[in-house]
Protein backbone atom coordinates (compact mmCIF):
# COMPACT_ATOMS: atom_id res chain seq x y z
CA MET A 1 114.09 99.18 52.14
CA LYS A 2 112.58 98.86 55.53
CA GLU A 3 110.20 101.67 54.78
CA SER A 4 109.25 100.22 51.57
CA SER A 5 108.45 96.85 53.42
CA SER A 6 106.60 98.77 56.01
CA GLU A 7 104.51 100.46 53.37
CA HIS A 8 103.75 97.14 51.61
CA HIS A 9 102.55 95.70 54.87
CA ARG A 10 100.21 98.62 55.54
CA SER A 11 98.98 98.46 52.14
CA LEU A 12 98.19 94.82 52.27
CA ALA A 13 96.55 95.16 55.65
CA ARG A 14 94.35 98.05 54.16
CA LEU A 15 93.30 95.92 51.41
CA VAL A 16 92.41 92.88 53.43
CA GLN A 17 90.45 95.23 55.96
CA ALA A 18 88.44 96.78 52.85
CA ALA A 19 87.63 93.27 51.73
CA GLU A 20 85.78 92.55 54.90
CA PRO A 21 81.81 92.70 54.69
CA ALA A 22 80.60 96.30 54.91
CA GLU A 23 78.12 95.06 57.64
CA PRO A 24 79.73 92.11 59.48
CA GLN A 25 77.38 89.39 60.12
CA ALA A 26 76.32 89.24 63.88
CA PRO A 27 77.43 86.30 65.76
CA LYS A 28 74.86 83.47 65.51
CA ARG A 29 74.78 82.89 69.20
CA ARG A 30 76.94 83.75 72.29
CA ARG A 31 77.27 81.72 75.27
CA ALA A 32 76.01 84.28 77.90
CA ASP A 33 76.97 81.96 80.76
CA TYR A 34 80.50 82.67 80.15
CA LEU A 35 80.96 86.42 78.84
CA PRO A 36 80.13 89.30 79.60
CA LEU A 37 80.48 88.96 83.36
CA ALA A 38 77.86 89.95 85.91
CA ILE A 39 80.47 90.78 88.52
CA PRO A 40 79.02 90.79 92.07
CA MET A 41 78.71 94.07 93.76
CA GLY A 42 79.98 94.72 97.36
CA GLN A 43 81.28 91.16 97.56
CA PRO A 44 85.21 91.44 96.57
CA GLU A 45 85.85 87.72 97.41
CA ALA A 46 83.10 86.59 95.17
CA ALA A 47 84.10 88.89 92.42
CA VAL A 48 87.58 87.73 92.38
CA GLU A 49 86.50 84.27 92.49
CA MET A 50 84.13 84.79 89.50
CA ILE A 51 86.80 86.83 87.35
CA LEU A 52 89.33 84.04 87.84
CA SER A 53 87.11 81.00 87.37
CA ARG A 54 85.68 82.54 84.17
CA ALA A 55 88.97 83.43 82.88
CA VAL A 56 90.18 79.74 83.17
CA ALA A 57 86.86 78.78 81.79
CA THR A 58 87.25 80.69 78.60
CA GLY A 59 90.93 79.95 78.19
CA ALA A 60 92.23 83.46 78.83
CA SER A 61 96.00 83.72 79.32
CA ASP A 62 95.64 86.95 81.25
CA VAL A 63 93.27 89.00 83.23
CA HIS A 64 93.60 92.82 83.20
CA LEU A 65 92.23 94.88 86.21
CA GLU A 66 92.51 98.40 84.86
CA ALA A 67 91.67 101.28 87.34
CA ASP A 68 89.88 104.37 85.54
CA ALA A 69 87.93 107.34 86.67
CA ASP A 70 84.72 105.32 87.30
CA GLY A 71 85.97 102.17 88.69
CA MET A 72 87.86 99.21 87.02
CA CYS A 73 87.67 97.75 83.66
CA VAL A 74 88.06 93.95 83.52
CA ARG A 75 89.42 92.34 80.41
CA PHE A 76 90.57 89.03 79.33
CA ARG A 77 93.33 88.20 76.80
CA ILE A 78 91.71 85.28 74.86
CA HIS A 79 93.94 83.58 72.00
CA GLY A 80 96.28 86.66 72.14
CA VAL A 81 93.55 89.40 71.75
CA LEU A 82 92.23 91.52 74.78
CA GLN A 83 88.56 91.93 75.13
CA ALA A 84 86.55 93.77 77.81
CA VAL A 85 84.33 91.26 79.79
CA GLY A 86 83.02 93.61 82.72
CA ARG A 87 83.32 96.33 85.11
CA VAL A 88 83.93 96.77 89.02
CA PRO A 89 82.23 99.83 90.31
CA LEU A 90 84.50 102.62 91.92
CA GLU A 91 83.27 101.78 95.44
CA ASP A 92 84.52 98.15 94.94
CA ARG A 93 87.64 98.78 93.08
CA ALA A 94 90.13 98.96 96.19
CA ALA A 95 88.52 95.98 97.68
CA VAL A 96 88.87 93.78 94.53
CA ILE A 97 92.53 94.85 94.44
CA SER A 98 93.10 94.02 98.17
CA ARG A 99 91.45 90.68 97.57
CA THR A 100 93.98 89.97 94.77
CA LYS A 101 96.87 91.06 96.98
CA ILE A 102 95.67 88.90 99.83
CA LEU A 103 95.52 85.80 97.69
CA SER A 104 99.03 86.33 96.09
CA ASN A 105 100.67 87.27 99.67
CA LEU A 106 101.34 90.85 98.74
CA ASP A 107 101.35 93.99 101.25
CA ILE A 108 97.84 95.34 101.03
CA ALA A 109 99.06 98.65 102.58
CA GLU A 110 101.58 99.14 100.11
CA ARG A 111 100.05 101.38 97.26
CA ARG A 112 102.96 103.33 95.95
CA LEU A 113 105.17 100.60 94.58
CA PRO A 114 104.69 97.94 92.01
CA GLN A 115 104.42 94.38 93.62
CA ASP A 116 104.67 90.86 91.98
CA GLY A 117 103.08 87.73 93.66
CA ARG A 118 101.66 84.34 92.78
CA ILE A 119 98.38 82.64 93.32
CA LYS A 120 97.69 78.79 93.62
CA LEU A 121 93.89 78.57 93.37
CA GLN A 122 91.52 75.56 93.42
CA ILE A 123 89.24 75.90 90.57
CA GLY A 124 86.95 72.97 89.73
CA GLN A 125 89.02 69.68 89.90
CA GLY A 126 92.29 71.34 89.43
CA VAL A 127 94.74 73.91 90.94
CA VAL A 128 95.51 76.91 88.68
CA ASP A 129 98.86 78.90 89.05
CA ILE A 130 98.63 82.58 88.59
CA ARG A 131 101.31 85.24 88.21
CA VAL A 132 100.26 88.52 89.62
CA ALA A 133 101.70 91.97 88.93
CA VAL A 134 100.17 94.96 90.68
CA THR A 135 101.19 98.52 89.75
CA PRO A 136 100.17 102.18 90.90
CA SER A 137 98.33 104.10 87.96
CA LEU A 138 96.68 107.42 87.57
CA HIS A 139 93.34 106.36 89.18
CA GLY A 140 94.65 103.86 91.52
CA GLU A 141 96.16 100.52 91.47
CA SER A 142 95.76 98.11 88.50
CA ALA A 143 96.89 94.51 88.15
CA VAL A 144 97.59 91.81 85.45
CA LEU A 145 97.12 88.28 86.32
CA ARG A 146 99.00 85.90 84.01
CA ILE A 147 97.06 82.35 84.03
CA LEU A 148 99.89 79.86 83.45
CA ASP A 149 99.08 76.73 81.34
CA LEU A 150 100.60 73.90 83.36
CA ASN A 151 100.05 71.69 80.32
CA ALA A 152 102.68 73.74 78.57
CA VAL A 153 105.62 72.28 80.60
CA SER A 154 104.80 68.75 79.92
CA LEU A 155 104.14 69.00 75.99
CA PRO A 156 106.85 67.04 73.95
CA LEU A 157 108.44 68.87 71.17
CA SER A 158 106.40 66.81 68.78
CA ARG A 159 103.06 68.47 70.15
CA VAL A 160 104.20 72.25 70.06
CA GLY A 161 102.63 72.63 66.53
CA MET A 162 105.94 72.38 64.30
CA PRO A 163 105.41 71.16 60.80
CA PRO A 164 107.00 67.70 60.18
CA ASP A 165 109.99 69.14 58.48
CA ILE A 166 110.96 71.59 61.13
CA TYR A 167 110.09 69.36 63.92
CA GLU A 168 112.69 66.71 62.58
CA ALA A 169 115.28 69.24 62.28
CA THR A 170 114.89 70.70 65.56
CA HIS A 171 114.71 67.22 67.15
CA ALA A 172 118.11 66.63 65.62
CA LEU A 173 119.40 69.76 66.86
CA CYS A 174 118.47 68.88 70.29
CA ARG A 175 120.53 65.57 69.92
CA ARG A 176 123.74 67.77 69.53
CA PRO A 177 126.08 67.72 72.41
CA GLN A 178 126.99 71.43 72.17
CA GLY A 179 126.02 74.61 70.44
CA LEU A 180 123.48 77.49 70.94
CA ILE A 181 119.91 77.50 69.81
CA PHE A 182 117.87 80.61 69.82
CA VAL A 183 114.11 80.93 69.91
CA THR A 184 112.87 84.27 68.74
CA GLY A 185 109.54 86.12 68.59
CA PRO A 186 107.58 88.80 70.48
CA THR A 187 106.12 88.26 73.96
CA GLY A 188 103.43 85.62 74.02
CA SER A 189 104.45 83.90 70.69
CA GLY A 190 105.05 80.64 72.49
CA LYS A 191 108.72 80.64 72.79
CA THR A 192 108.81 79.09 76.44
CA SER A 193 106.66 76.24 75.36
CA THR A 194 108.98 75.49 72.34
CA ILE A 195 112.11 75.59 74.79
CA TYR A 196 110.40 73.31 77.17
CA GLY A 197 109.36 71.03 74.54
CA CYS A 198 113.02 70.75 73.71
CA LEU A 199 113.73 69.94 77.26
CA ASN A 200 111.09 67.28 77.39
CA ASP A 201 112.69 65.51 74.43
CA ILE A 202 116.25 65.83 76.02
CA LYS A 203 115.91 65.23 79.83
CA GLY A 204 116.51 61.92 81.30
CA PRO A 205 118.25 60.32 84.36
CA HIS A 206 121.75 61.06 82.64
CA ILE A 207 121.26 64.49 81.62
CA LYS A 208 121.88 67.65 83.93
CA ILE A 209 119.48 70.53 82.96
CA ILE A 210 119.88 74.04 84.46
CA THR A 211 117.36 76.85 83.57
CA ILE A 212 117.88 80.54 84.30
CA GLU A 213 114.53 82.26 84.32
CA ASP A 214 113.05 85.87 85.10
CA PRO A 215 110.82 84.81 86.59
CA ILE A 216 110.39 81.11 86.79
CA GLU A 217 107.00 80.55 85.43
CA TYR A 218 106.52 76.72 85.50
CA GLU A 219 108.08 74.04 87.79
CA MET A 220 109.88 71.29 85.94
CA ALA A 221 110.72 68.07 87.51
CA THR A 222 114.47 66.92 87.38
CA VAL A 223 115.58 70.45 86.28
CA THR A 224 117.46 72.91 88.31
CA GLN A 225 115.71 76.22 87.92
CA ILE A 226 117.52 79.47 89.07
CA ALA A 227 115.44 82.74 89.32
CA VAL A 228 117.02 86.06 88.36
CA HIS A 229 116.90 88.75 90.84
CA GLU A 230 118.61 91.87 89.66
CA LYS A 231 117.95 93.97 92.57
CA ILE A 232 120.64 91.81 94.58
CA GLY A 233 122.91 91.63 91.61
CA LEU A 234 121.61 88.20 90.56
CA THR A 235 121.75 88.94 86.91
CA PHE A 236 121.54 86.48 83.79
CA ALA A 237 125.19 86.75 83.50
CA SER A 238 126.14 86.06 87.15
CA CYS A 239 123.55 83.16 87.31
CA LEU A 240 125.06 81.79 84.05
CA ARG A 241 128.58 81.86 85.65
CA SER A 242 127.29 79.98 88.57
CA ALA A 243 125.43 77.56 86.34
CA LEU A 244 128.49 76.53 84.63
CA ARG A 245 130.11 75.38 87.82
CA GLN A 246 127.39 72.91 88.55
CA ASP A 247 128.38 70.47 85.80
CA PRO A 248 125.56 71.02 83.52
CA ASP A 249 124.90 69.27 80.14
CA VAL A 250 122.17 71.58 79.07
CA ILE A 251 121.70 75.20 79.89
CA VAL A 252 118.75 77.46 79.39
CA VAL A 253 119.01 81.19 79.56
CA GLY A 254 115.40 82.84 79.63
CA GLU A 255 116.59 85.91 77.73
CA ILE A 256 119.75 87.22 76.36
CA ARG A 257 119.63 90.90 77.05
CA ASP A 258 123.22 92.16 76.75
CA GLU A 259 126.65 91.49 75.35
CA GLU A 260 128.12 90.12 78.56
CA THR A 261 125.40 87.34 78.73
CA ALA A 262 125.59 86.60 75.17
CA ARG A 263 129.31 86.07 75.20
CA ILE A 264 129.06 83.76 78.30
CA ALA A 265 126.32 81.77 76.65
CA MET A 266 128.23 81.31 73.38
CA GLN A 267 131.48 80.37 75.22
CA ALA A 268 129.54 77.76 77.13
CA SER A 269 128.13 76.36 73.87
CA LEU A 270 131.76 75.89 72.67
CA THR A 271 132.90 74.04 75.83
CA GLY A 272 130.60 71.04 75.68
CA HIS A 273 127.19 72.44 76.55
CA LEU A 274 123.87 72.56 74.61
CA VAL A 275 122.49 76.22 75.29
CA PHE A 276 118.92 77.32 74.56
CA SER A 277 117.93 81.05 74.84
CA THR A 278 115.48 83.56 73.39
CA LEU A 279 115.63 87.03 71.64
CA HIS A 280 113.13 89.48 70.87
CA THR A 281 113.40 89.70 67.13
CA ASN A 282 110.83 89.52 64.30
CA SER A 283 112.42 86.79 62.11
CA ALA A 284 115.15 84.21 62.46
CA ILE A 285 117.78 86.05 60.45
CA GLY A 286 117.02 89.27 62.51
CA ALA A 287 118.87 87.45 65.54
CA ILE A 288 122.16 87.81 63.54
CA PRO A 289 122.21 91.68 63.35
CA ARG A 290 120.81 92.07 66.92
CA LEU A 291 123.68 90.00 68.15
CA ILE A 292 126.12 91.99 66.32
CA ASP A 293 124.43 95.15 67.69
CA MET A 294 125.01 93.96 71.16
CA GLY A 295 128.60 93.88 70.44
CA VAL A 296 129.14 90.03 69.91
CA PRO A 297 131.96 89.51 67.42
CA PRO A 298 130.64 87.61 64.21
CA TYR A 299 133.38 84.74 64.74
CA LEU A 300 131.74 83.86 67.97
CA ILE A 301 128.22 83.70 66.45
CA THR A 302 129.30 81.56 63.46
CA SER A 303 131.29 79.22 65.71
CA SER A 304 128.41 78.75 68.34
CA VAL A 305 125.07 79.24 66.87
CA ASN A 306 123.54 76.10 65.46
CA ALA A 307 120.10 77.44 64.48
CA VAL A 308 117.54 80.15 65.07
CA ILE A 309 113.85 79.32 65.42
CA ALA A 310 111.13 82.19 64.85
CA GLN A 311 107.70 81.73 65.69
CA ARG A 312 104.19 83.47 66.11
CA LEU A 313 100.85 82.18 67.23
CA LEU A 314 97.88 82.65 64.99
CA ARG A 315 94.28 82.31 65.95
CA VAL A 316 92.52 79.31 64.42
CA SER A 317 89.09 79.95 62.47
CA CYS A 318 86.27 78.27 64.03
CA PRO A 319 85.37 75.42 61.49
CA GLY A 320 81.72 75.68 62.80
CA CYS A 321 81.07 79.08 61.13
CA LYS A 322 83.75 79.80 58.93
CA GLU A 323 82.57 80.99 55.54
CA PRO A 324 84.27 81.36 52.12
CA TRP A 325 85.38 84.55 50.26
CA GLU A 326 87.46 85.31 47.26
CA PRO A 327 90.27 87.85 47.59
CA SER A 328 90.64 90.57 44.74
CA ALA A 329 93.25 90.44 42.14
CA GLU A 330 95.03 93.31 44.05
CA ILE A 331 95.37 91.25 47.34
CA ARG A 332 96.63 88.24 45.42
CA VAL A 333 99.31 90.21 43.58
CA GLN A 334 100.36 91.40 47.11
CA LEU A 335 100.31 87.84 48.39
CA GLY A 336 102.29 86.64 45.29
CA LEU A 337 99.41 84.44 44.09
CA ARG A 338 98.61 84.18 40.50
CA GLU A 339 95.52 82.08 40.35
CA PRO A 340 92.09 82.84 42.09
CA VAL A 341 91.72 81.30 45.48
CA ILE A 342 88.96 80.74 48.01
CA LEU A 343 89.99 81.77 51.51
CA TYR A 344 87.74 81.57 54.80
CA ARG A 345 86.88 83.84 57.60
CA ALA A 346 84.54 83.17 60.62
CA PRO A 347 82.03 85.56 61.97
CA GLY A 348 81.36 83.67 65.21
CA CYS A 349 78.87 81.26 66.71
CA ASP A 350 78.01 79.43 69.84
CA ARG A 351 80.76 76.84 69.53
CA CYS A 352 83.50 79.75 69.52
CA LEU A 353 81.55 82.06 72.15
CA GLY A 354 80.92 84.53 69.11
CA THR A 355 84.74 85.09 68.39
CA GLY A 356 85.25 83.20 65.32
CA VAL A 357 88.24 81.58 66.79
CA VAL A 358 88.78 78.26 68.65
CA GLY A 359 92.38 78.14 69.75
CA ARG A 360 95.80 79.28 68.38
CA THR A 361 98.34 77.39 65.95
CA GLY A 362 102.12 78.12 65.82
CA VAL A 363 103.98 79.30 62.60
CA PHE A 364 107.79 78.63 62.69
CA GLU A 365 110.82 79.61 60.62
CA LEU A 366 113.96 77.67 61.08
CA LEU A 367 117.38 79.00 60.16
CA THR A 368 120.43 76.80 60.50
CA LEU A 369 123.95 78.43 59.99
CA THR A 370 125.38 76.98 56.49
CA PRO A 371 128.91 77.77 55.46
CA ALA A 372 127.74 80.40 52.82
CA LEU A 373 125.79 82.13 55.57
CA SER A 374 128.48 82.07 57.99
CA GLU A 375 130.83 83.54 55.55
CA LEU A 376 128.37 86.36 54.95
CA ILE A 377 128.16 87.01 58.68
CA MET A 378 132.04 87.14 59.09
CA CYS A 379 132.10 89.59 56.30
CA LYS A 380 129.30 91.69 58.13
CA ALA A 381 126.90 91.64 55.39
CA SER A 382 123.70 93.51 55.61
CA GLU A 383 120.27 91.90 56.74
CA ILE A 384 119.02 92.12 53.35
CA GLU A 385 121.94 89.85 52.05
CA LEU A 386 121.65 87.39 54.87
CA ARG A 387 117.98 87.16 54.22
CA ARG A 388 118.57 86.46 50.55
CA ALA A 389 121.25 83.62 51.40
CA ALA A 390 118.96 82.23 54.05
CA ARG A 391 116.03 81.84 51.41
CA ALA A 392 118.45 80.33 49.08
CA ALA A 393 119.39 77.67 51.57
CA GLY A 394 115.81 76.81 51.94
CA CYS A 395 114.72 78.89 54.97
CA VAL A 396 111.01 79.47 54.41
CA PRO A 397 110.00 82.93 55.66
CA ILE A 398 107.47 82.89 58.63
CA PHE A 399 104.81 84.85 56.54
CA ASN A 400 105.03 82.12 53.79
CA ALA A 401 104.35 79.41 56.61
CA GLY A 402 101.41 81.49 57.85
CA LEU A 403 100.10 81.95 54.27
CA ALA A 404 100.16 78.22 53.89
CA LYS A 405 97.68 77.85 56.81
CA VAL A 406 95.55 80.69 55.27
CA LEU A 407 95.34 78.89 51.82
CA ALA A 408 94.43 75.59 53.85
CA GLY A 409 91.48 77.39 55.52
CA GLU A 410 92.99 77.07 58.87
CA VAL A 411 93.52 80.68 59.51
CA ALA A 412 91.99 83.99 58.31
CA LEU A 413 94.04 86.09 56.14
CA GLU A 414 93.20 89.16 58.54
CA GLU A 415 94.84 87.18 61.39
CA LEU A 416 97.95 86.58 59.42
CA THR A 417 98.50 90.25 58.46
CA ARG A 418 97.65 91.19 62.02
CA VAL A 419 100.42 89.21 63.39
CA VAL A 420 103.18 88.83 60.70
CA SER A 421 104.55 91.40 58.23
CA PRO A 422 105.17 89.87 54.51
CA GLU A 423 108.82 90.86 54.84
CA GLU A 424 109.20 88.67 57.89
């Protein structure tokens, strides 16, 4: 069944790709003052400053400094997609990495082991927080710099992009005195922003919140934040045991990776605590078999889990250059659409820096455990049976949520099929 679903996704992706113009229209204009970069040679301080300032200006979430045989490739991840923006010559490569290490308080002499650090940098009128990971590679040291969006920590739940029905249901779930709420999705899908949005709705002078994170990405006022340090035995499980002795009302477990952590989190949710955590699954219903595979007994899942929220981030088509096109009958059949429709794709313009994209929007799937679904979990039903029961209970698949944004002209069909499979 999974092979059939995967083939269906590949077939749809091929049809969508084939429907693209044979000769894509060139972007109307591209803002040359942003990209590509003219990185200064022989000036590592100026080079690093330019790379970071342009990354912030273009809204990049990550900067990749990748050593190769000829020097270093610089790439930005913008709206979830990597793009090459410049190069550092071979003779400057080591100096650029050393400058990055100095800014992040790392040992510039240590080139054999990975190192993690942090940079707080004044850029323009604001301070930018950057997480740095340096690692040895074939041609020398490479680094990835994650630019942390400090606005993400202050967004209320109402502004994380949920549709009204899912927002109202999630808001109500956050008001429950106990239970476990999972947020699922791949890395970079906005799970942290959603959990912080929930905490912003909850926190107050009478609520004790403890988070357990690896690492702590954002500082949050009035919240006790604990950093996992597995090398010294400070695991998620041991941090969680300690947190339970701190009289919390709400606990956030950054990620559940094993049975021990899952069991402790679930027991905590049954003893008067509201618990949030994340899992790396493709769909909301996929969290159930994942927990069972970890060794968590079904009765513990049905008695503790209140809901699972699955999410993705899709790139929003630029309204300044998006153009209409009509999908073929074959594509409509794959999408389950009976009538002809007009969709939109954006070739790129000055407004979007030639990318055809002006930001990202979230798509969400909310699964709440109904009595019928709980009974199936207790009977160890297959994922297909669980999915069928979830749909019958009104759980809208995440692909359908994304398709609604495609039909509204907000997102390109190519983007939806790139990020989400139809079976999800």
